């Protein structure tokens, strides 16, 4: 192997960032913080919808299994709490999305709502860790090779 592969042949020059529009230094458009926050809030909302769907599926499973589930009451409470917190967080996301953080009169409200939302998201995450630690495992109620007509109605 040649030492040349590991030795740079040219000296690196310092890089400079030029505005996209080709203007002079300092005239390029900076990052619009309000636009960033709106996009971030929308992305968080989409993740919230995914978690809401997962919790709805877990609730359906627990209700289908019924009191046969070892932790039936606990799971109902935890999943219900998670769903309620997610709805509250979703409402706060909508409110925050409508605020303009470039407006000084709305900055304090946005900061407070953002902190409340952060706490809600933490509680939702903690709640879902607990839910998943109690094992929501889908049981295969339909045995392979058995026609659907032969499965008793109560097992579907």
N, C-alpha and C. Protein backbone atom coordinates (compact mmCIF):
# COMPACT_ATOMS: atom_id res chain seq x y z
N UNK A 1 0.83 -1.18 0.00
CA UNK A 1 0.00 0.00 0.00
C UNK A 1 0.87 1.24 0.00
N UNK A 2 0.43 2.21 -0.68
CA UNK A 2 1.20 3.44 -0.79
C UNK A 2 0.83 4.40 0.33
N UNK A 3 1.85 5.11 0.83
CA UNK A 3 1.59 6.13 1.84
C UNK A 3 0.83 7.30 1.25
N UNK A 4 0.86 7.41 -0.05
CA UNK A 4 0.21 8.53 -0.73
C UNK A 4 -1.31 8.50 -0.51
N UNK A 5 -1.89 7.33 -0.32
CA UNK A 5 -3.33 7.23 -0.11
C UNK A 5 -3.76 7.93 1.17
N UNK A 6 -2.88 7.97 2.14
CA UNK A 6 -3.24 8.53 3.43
C UNK A 6 -2.72 9.94 3.64
N UNK A 7 -2.00 10.47 2.66
CA UNK A 7 -1.42 11.80 2.79
C UNK A 7 -2.13 12.76 1.84
N UNK A 8 -2.70 13.84 2.34
CA UNK A 8 -3.34 14.78 1.42
C UNK A 8 -2.31 15.41 0.48
N UNK A 9 -2.69 15.54 -0.78
CA UNK A 9 -1.77 16.08 -1.77
C UNK A 9 -1.90 17.59 -1.89
N UNK A 10 -3.02 18.12 -1.47
CA UNK A 10 -3.21 19.57 -1.53
C UNK A 10 -3.56 20.07 -0.14
N UNK A 11 -3.19 21.30 0.10
CA UNK A 11 -3.57 21.90 1.38
C UNK A 11 -5.03 22.31 1.29
N UNK A 12 -5.76 22.07 2.39
CA UNK A 12 -7.16 22.45 2.42
C UNK A 12 -7.29 23.94 2.64
N UNK A 13 -8.17 24.55 1.89
CA UNK A 13 -8.42 25.97 2.05
C UNK A 13 -9.62 26.14 2.96
N UNK A 14 -9.68 27.26 3.62
CA UNK A 14 -10.83 27.50 4.48
C UNK A 14 -12.06 27.69 3.61
N UNK A 15 -13.18 27.21 4.13
CA UNK A 15 -14.42 27.30 3.37
C UNK A 15 -15.21 28.51 3.82
N UNK A 16 -15.92 29.07 2.90
CA UNK A 16 -16.81 30.16 3.25
C UNK A 16 -18.19 29.84 2.71
N UNK A 17 -19.18 30.29 3.41
CA UNK A 17 -20.55 30.04 3.00
C UNK A 17 -21.06 31.27 2.29
N UNK A 18 -21.52 31.06 1.08
CA UNK A 18 -22.06 32.16 0.28
C UNK A 18 -23.57 32.05 0.23
N UNK A 19 -24.26 33.17 0.18
CA UNK A 19 -25.71 33.12 0.06
C UNK A 19 -26.13 32.44 -1.24
N UNK A 20 -27.25 31.76 -1.19
CA UNK A 20 -27.75 31.05 -2.36
C UNK A 20 -28.06 32.00 -3.50
N UNK A 21 -28.58 33.17 -3.18
CA UNK A 21 -28.99 34.10 -4.22
C UNK A 21 -27.82 34.82 -4.87
N UNK A 22 -26.58 34.52 -4.46
CA UNK A 22 -25.41 35.12 -5.07
C UNK A 22 -25.14 36.55 -4.61
N UNK A 23 -25.83 37.00 -3.60
CA UNK A 23 -25.64 38.36 -3.10
C UNK A 23 -24.34 38.50 -2.36
N UNK A 24 -24.10 39.67 -1.83
CA UNK A 24 -22.87 39.91 -1.09
C UNK A 24 -23.02 39.37 0.33
N UNK A 25 -21.92 39.33 1.02
CA UNK A 25 -21.90 38.78 2.37
C UNK A 25 -22.90 39.51 3.28
N UNK A 26 -23.71 38.71 4.00
CA UNK A 26 -24.65 39.30 4.95
C UNK A 26 -26.00 39.64 4.36
N UNK A 27 -26.19 39.52 3.06
CA UNK A 27 -27.48 39.87 2.49
C UNK A 27 -28.34 38.65 2.21
N UNK A 28 -27.80 37.44 2.44
CA UNK A 28 -28.57 36.22 2.20
C UNK A 28 -29.69 36.08 3.23
N UNK A 29 -30.70 35.36 2.86
CA UNK A 29 -31.83 35.15 3.76
C UNK A 29 -31.42 34.17 4.85
N UNK A 30 -31.60 34.56 6.09
CA UNK A 30 -31.27 33.70 7.22
C UNK A 30 -32.38 32.70 7.47
N UNK A 31 -32.22 31.89 8.48
CA UNK A 31 -33.22 30.91 8.86
C UNK A 31 -34.37 31.64 9.54
N UNK A 32 -35.58 31.39 9.05
CA UNK A 32 -36.77 31.99 9.66
C UNK A 32 -37.17 31.09 10.83
N UNK A 33 -36.97 31.56 12.04
CA UNK A 33 -37.25 30.76 13.23
C UNK A 33 -38.72 30.38 13.32
N UNK A 34 -39.61 31.27 12.92
CA UNK A 34 -41.03 30.97 12.99
C UNK A 34 -41.38 29.82 12.05
N UNK A 35 -40.82 29.83 10.85
CA UNK A 35 -41.07 28.77 9.88
C UNK A 35 -40.54 27.44 10.41
N UNK A 36 -39.38 27.47 11.04
CA UNK A 36 -38.79 26.27 11.63
C UNK A 36 -39.70 25.69 12.71
N UNK A 37 -40.20 26.54 13.59
CA UNK A 37 -41.05 26.08 14.69
C UNK A 37 -42.35 25.49 14.15
N UNK A 38 -42.91 26.11 13.13
CA UNK A 38 -44.15 25.58 12.56
C UNK A 38 -43.92 24.18 11.99
N UNK A 39 -42.83 24.01 11.23
CA UNK A 39 -42.54 22.70 10.65
C UNK A 39 -42.25 21.67 11.73
N UNK A 40 -41.54 22.07 12.77
CA UNK A 40 -41.23 21.17 13.88
C UNK A 40 -42.51 20.74 14.59
N UNK A 41 -43.42 21.67 14.79
CA UNK A 41 -44.68 21.37 15.45
C UNK A 41 -45.52 20.41 14.61
N UNK A 42 -45.52 20.61 13.30
CA UNK A 42 -46.28 19.71 12.42
C UNK A 42 -45.69 18.31 12.48
N UNK A 43 -44.36 18.19 12.47
CA UNK A 43 -43.71 16.88 12.55
C UNK A 43 -44.03 16.20 13.88
N UNK A 44 -44.02 16.96 14.97
CA UNK A 44 -44.37 16.39 16.27
C UNK A 44 -45.83 15.94 16.26
N UNK A 45 -46.67 16.68 15.61
CA UNK A 45 -48.08 16.31 15.53
C UNK A 45 -48.27 15.00 14.78
N UNK A 46 -47.49 14.81 13.72
CA UNK A 46 -47.59 13.56 12.96
C UNK A 46 -47.12 12.37 13.80
N UNK A 47 -46.06 12.57 14.56
CA UNK A 47 -45.60 11.50 15.45
C UNK A 47 -46.64 11.22 16.54
N UNK A 48 -47.30 12.25 16.99
CA UNK A 48 -48.35 12.09 17.99
C UNK A 48 -49.51 11.27 17.42
N UNK A 49 -49.84 11.49 16.15
CA UNK A 49 -50.91 10.71 15.51
C UNK A 49 -50.51 9.24 15.41
N UNK A 50 -49.24 8.97 15.11
CA UNK A 50 -48.77 7.58 15.03
C UNK A 50 -48.88 6.90 16.39
N UNK A 51 -48.50 7.60 17.45
CA UNK A 51 -48.60 7.03 18.79
C UNK A 51 -50.06 6.87 19.20
N UNK A 52 -50.89 7.82 18.82
CA UNK A 52 -52.33 7.73 19.11
C UNK A 52 -52.92 6.48 18.45
N UNK A 53 -52.52 6.21 17.22
CA UNK A 53 -52.99 5.02 16.51
C UNK A 53 -52.52 3.75 17.22
N UNK A 54 -51.26 3.73 17.66
CA UNK A 54 -50.73 2.56 18.37
C UNK A 54 -51.49 2.33 19.67
N UNK A 55 -51.77 3.40 20.40
CA UNK A 55 -52.52 3.27 21.66
C UNK A 55 -53.95 2.82 21.41
N UNK A 56 -54.56 3.28 20.34
CA UNK A 56 -55.92 2.83 20.01
C UNK A 56 -55.92 1.34 19.71
N UNK A 57 -54.89 0.87 19.02
CA UNK A 57 -54.76 -0.55 18.73
C UNK A 57 -54.56 -1.35 20.02
N UNK A 58 -53.75 -0.84 20.93
CA UNK A 58 -53.53 -1.50 22.21
C UNK A 58 -54.83 -1.56 23.02
N UNK A 59 -55.58 -0.47 23.00
CA UNK A 59 -56.85 -0.43 23.71
C UNK A 59 -57.82 -1.46 23.14
N UNK A 60 -57.87 -1.54 21.82
CA UNK A 60 -58.74 -2.52 21.16
C UNK A 60 -58.36 -3.94 21.59
N UNK A 61 -57.06 -4.21 21.63
CA UNK A 61 -56.60 -5.54 22.04
C UNK A 61 -57.00 -5.84 23.48
N UNK A 62 -56.77 -4.90 24.39
CA UNK A 62 -57.10 -5.14 25.80
C UNK A 62 -58.60 -5.33 25.98
N UNK A 63 -59.39 -4.54 25.27
CA UNK A 63 -60.85 -4.69 25.37
C UNK A 63 -61.32 -6.00 24.75
N UNK A 64 -60.64 -6.45 23.70
CA UNK A 64 -61.00 -7.72 23.06
C UNK A 64 -60.69 -8.90 23.98
N UNK A 65 -59.52 -8.88 24.58
CA UNK A 65 -59.13 -9.96 25.50
C UNK A 65 -59.99 -9.91 26.76
N UNK A 66 -60.28 -8.70 27.20
CA UNK A 66 -61.13 -8.53 28.38
C UNK A 66 -60.38 -8.82 29.66
N UNK A 67 -61.12 -9.27 30.65
CA UNK A 67 -60.54 -9.48 31.97
C UNK A 67 -59.64 -10.70 32.04
N UNK A 68 -59.51 -11.42 30.92
CA UNK A 68 -58.55 -12.52 30.88
C UNK A 68 -57.12 -11.98 30.91
N UNK A 69 -56.98 -10.73 30.48
CA UNK A 69 -55.65 -10.11 30.49
C UNK A 69 -55.21 -9.93 31.94
N UNK A 70 -53.98 -10.29 32.21
CA UNK A 70 -53.47 -10.27 33.58
C UNK A 70 -53.53 -8.88 34.22
N UNK A 71 -53.31 -7.85 33.43
CA UNK A 71 -53.29 -6.48 33.95
C UNK A 71 -54.39 -5.64 33.31
N UNK A 72 -55.56 -6.19 33.18
CA UNK A 72 -56.66 -5.54 32.46
C UNK A 72 -56.96 -4.13 32.96
N UNK A 73 -57.22 -3.97 34.24
CA UNK A 73 -57.59 -2.66 34.79
C UNK A 73 -56.44 -1.66 34.66
N UNK A 74 -55.24 -2.11 34.99
CA UNK A 74 -54.07 -1.23 34.89
C UNK A 74 -53.84 -0.78 33.45
N UNK A 75 -53.97 -1.71 32.52
CA UNK A 75 -53.76 -1.36 31.11
C UNK A 75 -54.83 -0.38 30.62
N UNK A 76 -56.07 -0.57 31.03
CA UNK A 76 -57.12 0.37 30.64
C UNK A 76 -56.81 1.77 31.15
N UNK A 77 -56.37 1.87 32.39
CA UNK A 77 -56.05 3.17 32.98
C UNK A 77 -54.87 3.81 32.28
N UNK A 78 -53.80 3.05 32.08
CA UNK A 78 -52.60 3.61 31.44
C UNK A 78 -52.84 4.02 29.99
N UNK A 79 -53.54 3.18 29.24
CA UNK A 79 -53.82 3.52 27.84
C UNK A 79 -54.77 4.71 27.77
N UNK A 80 -55.77 4.74 28.65
CA UNK A 80 -56.69 5.88 28.69
C UNK A 80 -55.96 7.17 29.04
N UNK A 81 -55.06 7.11 30.02
CA UNK A 81 -54.26 8.27 30.40
C UNK A 81 -53.40 8.74 29.23
N UNK A 82 -52.78 7.80 28.54
CA UNK A 82 -51.95 8.14 27.39
C UNK A 82 -52.78 8.83 26.30
N UNK A 83 -53.95 8.30 26.04
CA UNK A 83 -54.81 8.90 25.00
C UNK A 83 -55.24 10.32 25.39
N UNK A 84 -55.60 10.51 26.64
CA UNK A 84 -56.02 11.85 27.10
C UNK A 84 -54.85 12.83 27.00
N UNK A 85 -53.67 12.42 27.46
CA UNK A 85 -52.49 13.30 27.37
C UNK A 85 -52.13 13.62 25.93
N UNK A 86 -52.30 12.65 25.04
CA UNK A 86 -52.00 12.88 23.63
C UNK A 86 -52.97 13.88 23.01
N UNK A 87 -54.24 13.79 23.37
CA UNK A 87 -55.21 14.75 22.86
C UNK A 87 -54.87 16.16 23.36
N UNK A 88 -54.52 16.27 24.64
CA UNK A 88 -54.11 17.57 25.18
C UNK A 88 -52.87 18.11 24.47
N UNK A 89 -51.88 17.24 24.25
CA UNK A 89 -50.67 17.66 23.55
C UNK A 89 -50.99 18.08 22.12
N UNK A 90 -51.87 17.36 21.47
CA UNK A 90 -52.27 17.72 20.10
C UNK A 90 -52.92 19.09 20.04
N UNK A 91 -53.77 19.39 21.02
CA UNK A 91 -54.40 20.71 21.08
C UNK A 91 -53.35 21.79 21.29
N UNK A 92 -52.39 21.51 22.20
CA UNK A 92 -51.32 22.48 22.43
C UNK A 92 -50.45 22.67 21.19
N UNK A 93 -50.21 21.59 20.44
CA UNK A 93 -49.44 21.71 19.19
C UNK A 93 -50.15 22.64 18.21
N UNK A 94 -51.47 22.50 18.13
CA UNK A 94 -52.24 23.37 17.23
C UNK A 94 -52.16 24.83 17.68
N UNK A 95 -52.26 25.06 18.99
CA UNK A 95 -52.18 26.43 19.51
C UNK A 95 -50.79 27.02 19.26
N UNK A 96 -49.75 26.23 19.55
CA UNK A 96 -48.38 26.71 19.34
C UNK A 96 -48.12 26.97 17.86
N UNK A 97 -48.65 26.11 17.00
CA UNK A 97 -48.47 26.28 15.56
C UNK A 97 -49.07 27.58 15.05
N UNK A 98 -50.07 28.08 15.73
CA UNK A 98 -50.70 29.34 15.33
C UNK A 98 -50.02 30.58 15.86
N UNK A 99 -49.06 30.41 16.76
CA UNK A 99 -48.36 31.56 17.33
C UNK A 99 -47.21 32.00 16.43
N UNK A 100 -46.92 33.28 16.47
CA UNK A 100 -45.80 33.84 15.72
C UNK A 100 -44.72 34.23 16.72
N UNK A 101 -43.62 33.45 16.74
CA UNK A 101 -42.58 33.74 17.74
C UNK A 101 -41.77 34.98 17.38
N UNK A 102 -41.97 35.51 16.18
CA UNK A 102 -41.29 36.76 15.82
C UNK A 102 -42.00 37.96 16.42
N UNK A 103 -43.24 37.75 16.90
CA UNK A 103 -44.01 38.81 17.55
C UNK A 103 -43.68 38.78 19.05
N UNK A 104 -43.04 39.84 19.57
CA UNK A 104 -42.64 39.84 20.98
C UNK A 104 -43.80 39.61 21.95
N UNK A 105 -45.00 40.02 21.59
CA UNK A 105 -46.14 39.84 22.50
C UNK A 105 -46.56 38.37 22.61
N UNK A 106 -46.16 37.52 21.65
CA UNK A 106 -46.53 36.11 21.68
C UNK A 106 -45.39 35.20 22.12
N UNK A 107 -44.20 35.76 22.31
CA UNK A 107 -43.05 34.93 22.64
C UNK A 107 -43.16 34.28 24.01
N UNK A 108 -43.62 35.02 25.00
CA UNK A 108 -43.75 34.44 26.35
C UNK A 108 -44.78 33.32 26.36
N UNK A 109 -45.92 33.54 25.70
CA UNK A 109 -46.95 32.51 25.63
C UNK A 109 -46.43 31.26 24.92
N UNK A 110 -45.71 31.48 23.84
CA UNK A 110 -45.15 30.35 23.09
C UNK A 110 -44.16 29.57 23.94
N UNK A 111 -43.35 30.28 24.72
CA UNK A 111 -42.36 29.62 25.56
C UNK A 111 -43.04 28.79 26.65
N UNK A 112 -44.06 29.36 27.29
CA UNK A 112 -44.78 28.63 28.34
C UNK A 112 -45.48 27.41 27.76
N UNK A 113 -46.18 27.58 26.63
CA UNK A 113 -46.89 26.45 26.01
C UNK A 113 -45.91 25.39 25.54
N UNK A 114 -44.76 25.81 25.05
CA UNK A 114 -43.75 24.85 24.62
C UNK A 114 -43.24 24.03 25.79
N UNK A 115 -43.04 24.67 26.95
CA UNK A 115 -42.59 23.95 28.14
C UNK A 115 -43.66 22.99 28.65
N UNK A 116 -44.92 23.41 28.61
CA UNK A 116 -46.02 22.53 29.03
C UNK A 116 -46.10 21.32 28.10
N UNK A 117 -45.95 21.58 26.81
CA UNK A 117 -45.99 20.50 25.83
C UNK A 117 -44.84 19.53 26.05
N UNK A 118 -43.67 20.04 26.38
CA UNK A 118 -42.52 19.19 26.65
C UNK A 118 -42.80 18.26 27.82
N UNK A 119 -43.40 18.78 28.87
CA UNK A 119 -43.75 17.95 30.03
C UNK A 119 -44.78 16.90 29.64
N UNK A 120 -45.78 17.29 28.85
CA UNK A 120 -46.80 16.33 28.40
C UNK A 120 -46.18 15.22 27.56
N UNK A 121 -45.28 15.58 26.66
CA UNK A 121 -44.63 14.57 25.81
C UNK A 121 -43.80 13.62 26.67
N UNK A 122 -43.12 14.15 27.68
CA UNK A 122 -42.36 13.30 28.60
C UNK A 122 -43.28 12.33 29.33
N UNK A 123 -44.41 12.83 29.84
CA UNK A 123 -45.36 11.97 30.55
C UNK A 123 -45.96 10.91 29.63
N UNK A 124 -46.25 11.29 28.39
CA UNK A 124 -46.78 10.33 27.41
C UNK A 124 -45.74 9.23 27.15
N UNK A 125 -44.49 9.63 26.99
CA UNK A 125 -43.42 8.66 26.74
C UNK A 125 -43.26 7.72 27.93
N UNK A 126 -43.25 8.26 29.12
CA UNK A 126 -43.12 7.46 30.33
C UNK A 126 -44.29 6.49 30.46
N UNK A 127 -45.49 6.98 30.21
CA UNK A 127 -46.69 6.16 30.28
C UNK A 127 -46.60 5.00 29.28
N UNK A 128 -46.13 5.29 28.07
CA UNK A 128 -46.05 4.25 27.05
C UNK A 128 -44.93 3.25 27.33
N UNK A 129 -43.88 3.67 27.99
CA UNK A 129 -42.85 2.71 28.42
C UNK A 129 -43.46 1.74 29.42
N UNK A 130 -44.24 2.27 30.35
CA UNK A 130 -44.90 1.40 31.35
C UNK A 130 -45.89 0.47 30.66
N UNK A 131 -46.67 0.99 29.72
CA UNK A 131 -47.64 0.16 29.00
C UNK A 131 -46.92 -1.00 28.31
N UNK A 132 -45.84 -0.68 27.62
CA UNK A 132 -45.13 -1.73 26.88
C UNK A 132 -44.38 -2.69 27.79
N UNK A 133 -44.05 -2.26 29.00
CA UNK A 133 -43.38 -3.18 29.92
C UNK A 133 -44.33 -4.24 30.47
N UNK A 134 -45.63 -3.99 30.41
CA UNK A 134 -46.60 -4.97 30.87
C UNK A 134 -47.04 -5.90 29.75
N UNK A 135 -46.44 -5.77 28.60
CA UNK A 135 -46.60 -6.75 27.54
C UNK A 135 -47.94 -6.79 26.87
N UNK A 136 -48.13 -5.89 25.92
CA UNK A 136 -49.29 -5.99 25.04
C UNK A 136 -48.83 -6.85 23.87
N UNK A 137 -49.04 -8.14 23.96
CA UNK A 137 -48.66 -9.03 22.88
C UNK A 137 -49.92 -9.54 22.21
N UNK A 138 -49.95 -9.38 20.92
CA UNK A 138 -51.09 -9.88 20.17
C UNK A 138 -51.01 -11.41 20.16
N UNK A 139 -52.07 -12.05 20.60
CA UNK A 139 -52.12 -13.49 20.56
C UNK A 139 -52.79 -13.91 19.27
N UNK A 140 -52.27 -14.95 18.67
CA UNK A 140 -52.85 -15.45 17.43
C UNK A 140 -54.07 -16.29 17.81
N UNK A 141 -55.24 -15.72 17.65
CA UNK A 141 -56.47 -16.40 18.03
C UNK A 141 -56.93 -17.38 16.96
N UNK A 142 -56.41 -17.21 15.75
CA UNK A 142 -56.78 -18.09 14.65
C UNK A 142 -55.63 -19.05 14.41
N UNK A 143 -55.87 -20.33 14.66
CA UNK A 143 -54.83 -21.33 14.48
C UNK A 143 -54.60 -21.57 12.99
N UNK A 144 -53.34 -21.69 12.58
CA UNK A 144 -53.04 -21.94 11.17
C UNK A 144 -53.70 -23.21 10.69
N UNK A 145 -54.22 -23.18 9.48
CA UNK A 145 -54.88 -24.34 8.88
C UNK A 145 -56.33 -24.49 9.26
N UNK A 146 -56.84 -23.65 10.15
CA UNK A 146 -58.24 -23.72 10.55
C UNK A 146 -59.03 -22.71 9.75
N UNK A 147 -60.10 -23.15 9.06
CA UNK A 147 -60.91 -22.17 8.31
C UNK A 147 -61.54 -21.15 9.25
N UNK A 148 -61.73 -19.93 8.77
CA UNK A 148 -62.29 -18.87 9.60
C UNK A 148 -63.67 -19.22 10.13
N UNK A 149 -64.43 -20.02 9.37
CA UNK A 149 -65.80 -20.34 9.79
C UNK A 149 -65.81 -21.18 11.06
N UNK A 150 -64.75 -21.98 11.30
CA UNK A 150 -64.71 -22.86 12.45
C UNK A 150 -64.25 -22.20 13.73
N UNK A 151 -63.77 -20.95 13.65
CA UNK A 151 -63.30 -20.26 14.83
C UNK A 151 -64.52 -19.73 15.58
N UNK A 152 -64.68 -20.06 16.86
CA UNK A 152 -65.83 -19.55 17.62
C UNK A 152 -65.86 -18.03 17.61
N UNK A 153 -67.09 -17.47 17.59
CA UNK A 153 -67.26 -16.02 17.49
C UNK A 153 -66.56 -15.24 18.59
N UNK A 154 -66.55 -15.76 19.79
CA UNK A 154 -65.96 -15.04 20.91
C UNK A 154 -64.44 -14.94 20.84
N UNK A 155 -63.80 -15.71 19.95
CA UNK A 155 -62.35 -15.71 19.86
C UNK A 155 -61.85 -14.74 18.80
N UNK A 156 -62.68 -14.06 18.06
CA UNK A 156 -62.20 -13.14 17.02
C UNK A 156 -61.98 -11.80 17.55
